[in-house]
């Protein structure tokens, strides 16, 4: 049979917790501070003024490779936002961008390097500001090494294609997530009736 050796990968590291954070604004003087989005406490939050655009940034202390960003939005969230990185907090490069966010808890796989990481909100979901319970920046450990494989030395070739049965739907990796979701919703409605 085939032998597969799994590749090693380092653990992901939370880089942002407790680091200095700043923001374009706060909802009220002395309250809902930028630091409250990186304090590790899901009961505190940063909240901006009620206008576009707004940003929240964290200083990681030194240039770091960024692999993932987690955002835990309050109801007042961003519909359109970017995750950006910078080495000087002046020139920014976008490593993630969306115009269709619905808020909630988001875990974004990203790839970039910088000392500063920010969320730049350009369109809000509500008439209020942007509000984040937590803004977590992670680095390292998400790219496993490609495992070496030993191909099987015997056995019949398995043909590809053909029907997998009436209850199997195959989604092509090139399909948009919206079309996959629409098909899944259609199947769910059929099962409900």
Protein backbone atom coordinates (compact mmCIF):
# COMPACT_ATOMS: atom_id res chain seq x y z
CA UNK A 1 0.00 0.00 0.00
CA UNK A 2 0.90 3.69 -0.08
CA UNK A 3 2.92 5.22 2.74
CA UNK A 4 2.41 8.92 3.46
CA UNK A 5 4.73 10.81 5.79
CA UNK A 6 3.10 13.88 7.28
CA UNK A 7 5.10 17.10 7.09
CA UNK A 8 5.97 19.06 10.21
CA UNK A 9 4.72 22.59 10.79
CA UNK A 10 5.33 25.08 13.58
CA UNK A 11 2.48 26.25 15.78
CA UNK A 12 0.71 29.49 14.91
CA UNK A 13 1.52 32.37 17.30
CA UNK A 14 -0.82 35.15 18.48
CA UNK A 15 1.23 38.31 17.85
CA UNK A 16 -1.18 41.14 18.68
CA UNK A 17 -2.43 40.53 22.22
CA UNK A 18 -1.41 43.30 24.60
CA UNK A 19 0.53 45.17 21.90
CA UNK A 20 0.08 48.95 21.47
CA UNK A 21 -3.04 49.75 19.43
CA UNK A 22 -4.29 53.02 17.98
CA UNK A 23 -7.39 54.01 16.03
CA UNK A 24 -8.74 56.78 13.83
CA UNK A 25 -11.36 57.61 16.49
CA UNK A 26 -13.35 56.32 19.43
CA UNK A 27 -17.11 56.51 19.91
CA UNK A 28 -16.71 58.45 23.18
CA UNK A 29 -13.78 60.18 24.89
CA UNK A 30 -11.98 57.77 27.22
CA UNK A 31 -14.18 54.79 26.29
CA UNK A 32 -14.13 51.96 23.73
CA UNK A 33 -10.37 52.42 23.30
CA UNK A 34 -8.25 50.78 20.58
CA UNK A 35 -6.36 48.76 23.24
CA UNK A 36 -9.63 47.05 24.18
CA UNK A 37 -9.64 45.19 20.82
CA UNK A 38 -6.26 43.54 21.57
CA UNK A 39 -6.66 42.86 25.31
CA UNK A 40 -7.84 39.23 24.97
CA UNK A 41 -11.11 40.09 26.77
CA UNK A 42 -14.21 39.39 24.61
CA UNK A 43 -16.26 41.62 26.95
CA UNK A 44 -14.43 44.83 25.99
CA UNK A 45 -14.35 46.50 22.59
CA UNK A 46 -13.09 49.32 20.41
CA UNK A 47 -15.81 51.39 18.82
CA UNK A 48 -15.27 54.22 16.32
CA UNK A 49 -17.05 57.44 15.51
CA UNK A 50 -20.18 57.02 13.33
CA UNK A 51 -18.50 57.82 9.97
CA UNK A 52 -16.49 56.30 7.11
CA UNK A 53 -13.62 55.57 6.81
CA UNK A 54 -12.18 54.38 10.15
CA UNK A 55 -9.21 52.23 11.11
CA UNK A 56 -7.76 50.25 13.99
CA UNK A 57 -4.08 49.30 13.97
CA UNK A 58 -1.75 47.28 16.17
CA UNK A 59 2.02 47.68 16.49
CA UNK A 60 3.65 44.23 16.64
CA UNK A 61 6.98 45.77 17.73
CA UNK A 62 8.97 44.38 14.80
CA UNK A 63 8.29 43.19 11.28
CA UNK A 64 6.45 39.86 11.39
CA UNK A 65 5.09 37.39 8.83
CA UNK A 66 1.28 37.45 9.14
CA UNK A 67 -0.68 34.25 8.42
CA UNK A 68 -4.16 34.90 9.82
CA UNK A 69 -6.32 37.70 11.21
CA UNK A 70 -9.35 37.12 13.42
CA UNK A 71 -12.03 39.76 13.82
CA UNK A 72 -14.82 39.47 16.38
CA UNK A 73 -17.32 42.14 15.37
CA UNK A 74 -20.04 43.71 17.47
CA UNK A 75 -23.33 44.29 15.57
CA UNK A 76 -21.80 47.54 14.30
CA UNK A 77 -19.41 45.94 11.80
CA UNK A 78 -17.73 46.61 8.48
CA UNK A 79 -19.43 45.69 5.20
CA UNK A 80 -16.35 46.84 3.24
CA UNK A 81 -12.88 46.69 4.77
CA UNK A 82 -9.25 45.84 4.13
CA UNK A 83 -6.56 44.24 6.24
CA UNK A 84 -3.31 46.11 5.59
CA UNK A 85 0.32 45.78 6.67
CA UNK A 86 3.09 48.37 6.95
CA UNK A 87 6.62 48.67 8.29
CA UNK A 88 6.29 52.41 9.08
CA UNK A 89 2.55 53.01 9.74
CA UNK A 90 2.57 55.37 6.73
CA UNK A 91 2.76 53.26 3.57
CA UNK A 92 0.23 50.42 3.61
CA UNK A 93 -0.19 47.25 1.53
CA UNK A 94 -3.53 45.44 1.43
CA UNK A 95 -3.40 41.69 2.18
CA UNK A 96 -7.20 41.19 2.33
CA UNK A 97 -10.15 43.12 0.94
CA UNK A 98 -13.92 42.62 0.87
CA UNK A 99 -17.03 44.65 0.10
CA UNK A 100 -19.54 41.99 1.21
CA UNK A 101 -18.71 41.28 4.86
CA UNK A 102 -21.59 40.60 7.25
CA UNK A 103 -19.61 40.87 10.50
CA UNK A 104 -19.71 38.19 13.20
CA UNK A 105 -16.58 36.19 13.93
CA UNK A 106 -14.19 36.08 10.99
CA UNK A 107 -10.96 34.12 10.59
CA UNK A 108 -9.08 35.33 7.51
CA UNK A 109 -6.14 33.42 6.03
CA UNK A 110 -3.72 36.10 4.83
CA UNK A 111 -0.13 36.38 3.68
CA UNK A 112 1.95 39.46 4.37
CA UNK A 113 4.78 40.98 6.37
CA UNK A 114 4.80 44.11 8.49
CA UNK A 115 5.29 45.67 11.91
CA UNK A 116 1.86 47.32 11.83
CA UNK A 117 -1.40 45.57 10.93
CA UNK A 118 -4.66 47.44 10.53
CA UNK A 119 -8.31 47.02 9.68
CA UNK A 120 -9.35 49.86 7.37
CA UNK A 121 -13.14 50.10 7.29
CA UNK A 122 -14.64 51.92 4.31
CA UNK A 123 -18.35 51.02 4.61
CA UNK A 124 -20.35 50.16 7.75
CA UNK A 125 -23.17 47.62 8.18
CA UNK A 126 -25.15 50.02 10.43
CA UNK A 127 -25.53 53.75 11.08
CA UNK A 128 -23.21 53.35 14.07
CA UNK A 129 -19.41 53.09 13.88
CA UNK A 130 -17.09 50.12 13.54
CA UNK A 131 -16.87 48.00 16.66
CA UNK A 132 -14.47 45.11 17.35
CA UNK A 133 -14.49 42.99 20.51
CA UNK A 134 -11.22 41.39 19.38
CA UNK A 135 -8.68 42.01 16.60
CA UNK A 136 -6.18 39.14 16.63
CA UNK A 137 -3.13 38.89 14.39
CA UNK A 138 -1.35 35.53 14.03
CA UNK A 139 1.93 34.55 12.45
CA UNK A 140 3.74 31.38 11.47
CA UNK A 141 2.81 27.76 11.35
CA UNK A 142 0.10 27.68 8.72
CA UNK A 143 2.09 26.36 5.77
CA UNK A 144 2.80 22.66 6.27
CA UNK A 145 5.70 21.19 4.38
CA UNK A 146 4.72 19.12 1.36
CA UNK A 147 4.76 15.51 2.53
CA UNK A 148 6.81 13.00 0.58
CA UNK A 149 4.70 10.13 -0.71
CA UNK A 150 5.48 6.63 -1.86
CA UNK A 151 3.23 5.64 -4.76
CA UNK A 152 1.50 2.25 -4.55
CA UNK A 153 3.53 -0.49 -6.19
CA UNK A 154 0.57 -2.65 -7.18
CA UNK A 155 -3.18 -2.63 -7.61
CA UNK A 156 -5.61 -1.65 -10.35
CA UNK A 157 -5.79 1.89 -11.70
CA UNK A 158 -8.89 3.71 -10.46
CA UNK A 159 -10.77 5.43 -13.29
CA UNK A 160 -11.92 9.02 -12.78
CA UNK A 161 -15.23 10.62 -13.66
CA UNK A 162 -18.66 9.04 -13.81
CA UNK A 163 -21.65 9.33 -11.52
CA UNK A 164 -21.21 9.00 -7.78
CA UNK A 165 -24.94 8.47 -7.27
CA UNK A 166 -28.06 10.58 -6.93
CA UNK A 167 -27.19 11.90 -3.46
CA UNK A 168 -23.69 13.17 -4.29
CA UNK A 169 -22.93 16.67 -5.54
CA UNK A 170 -19.38 17.47 -6.62
CA UNK A 171 -18.24 21.09 -6.35
CA UNK A 172 -15.41 22.19 -8.60
CA UNK A 173 -12.68 24.24 -6.83
CA UNK A 174 -13.08 26.96 -9.46
CA UNK A 175 -16.73 27.55 -8.45
CA UNK A 176 -17.46 30.73 -6.47
CA UNK A 177 -18.45 30.34 -2.85
CA UNK A 178 -21.73 32.10 -3.71
CA UNK A 179 -22.67 29.46 -6.31
CA UNK A 180 -21.70 26.63 -3.95
CA UNK A 181 -23.80 28.21 -1.17
CA UNK A 182 -26.74 28.69 -3.56
CA UNK A 183 -26.61 24.99 -4.55
CA UNK A 184 -26.37 23.92 -0.88
CA UNK A 185 -29.37 26.16 -0.05
CA UNK A 186 -31.33 24.62 -2.95
CA UNK A 187 -30.60 21.09 -1.69
CA UNK A 188 -31.59 22.10 1.85
CA UNK A 189 -34.93 23.51 0.60
CA UNK A 190 -35.60 20.25 -1.29
CA UNK A 191 -34.90 18.21 1.83
CA UNK A 192 -37.17 20.45 3.92
CA UNK A 193 -40.17 19.91 1.60
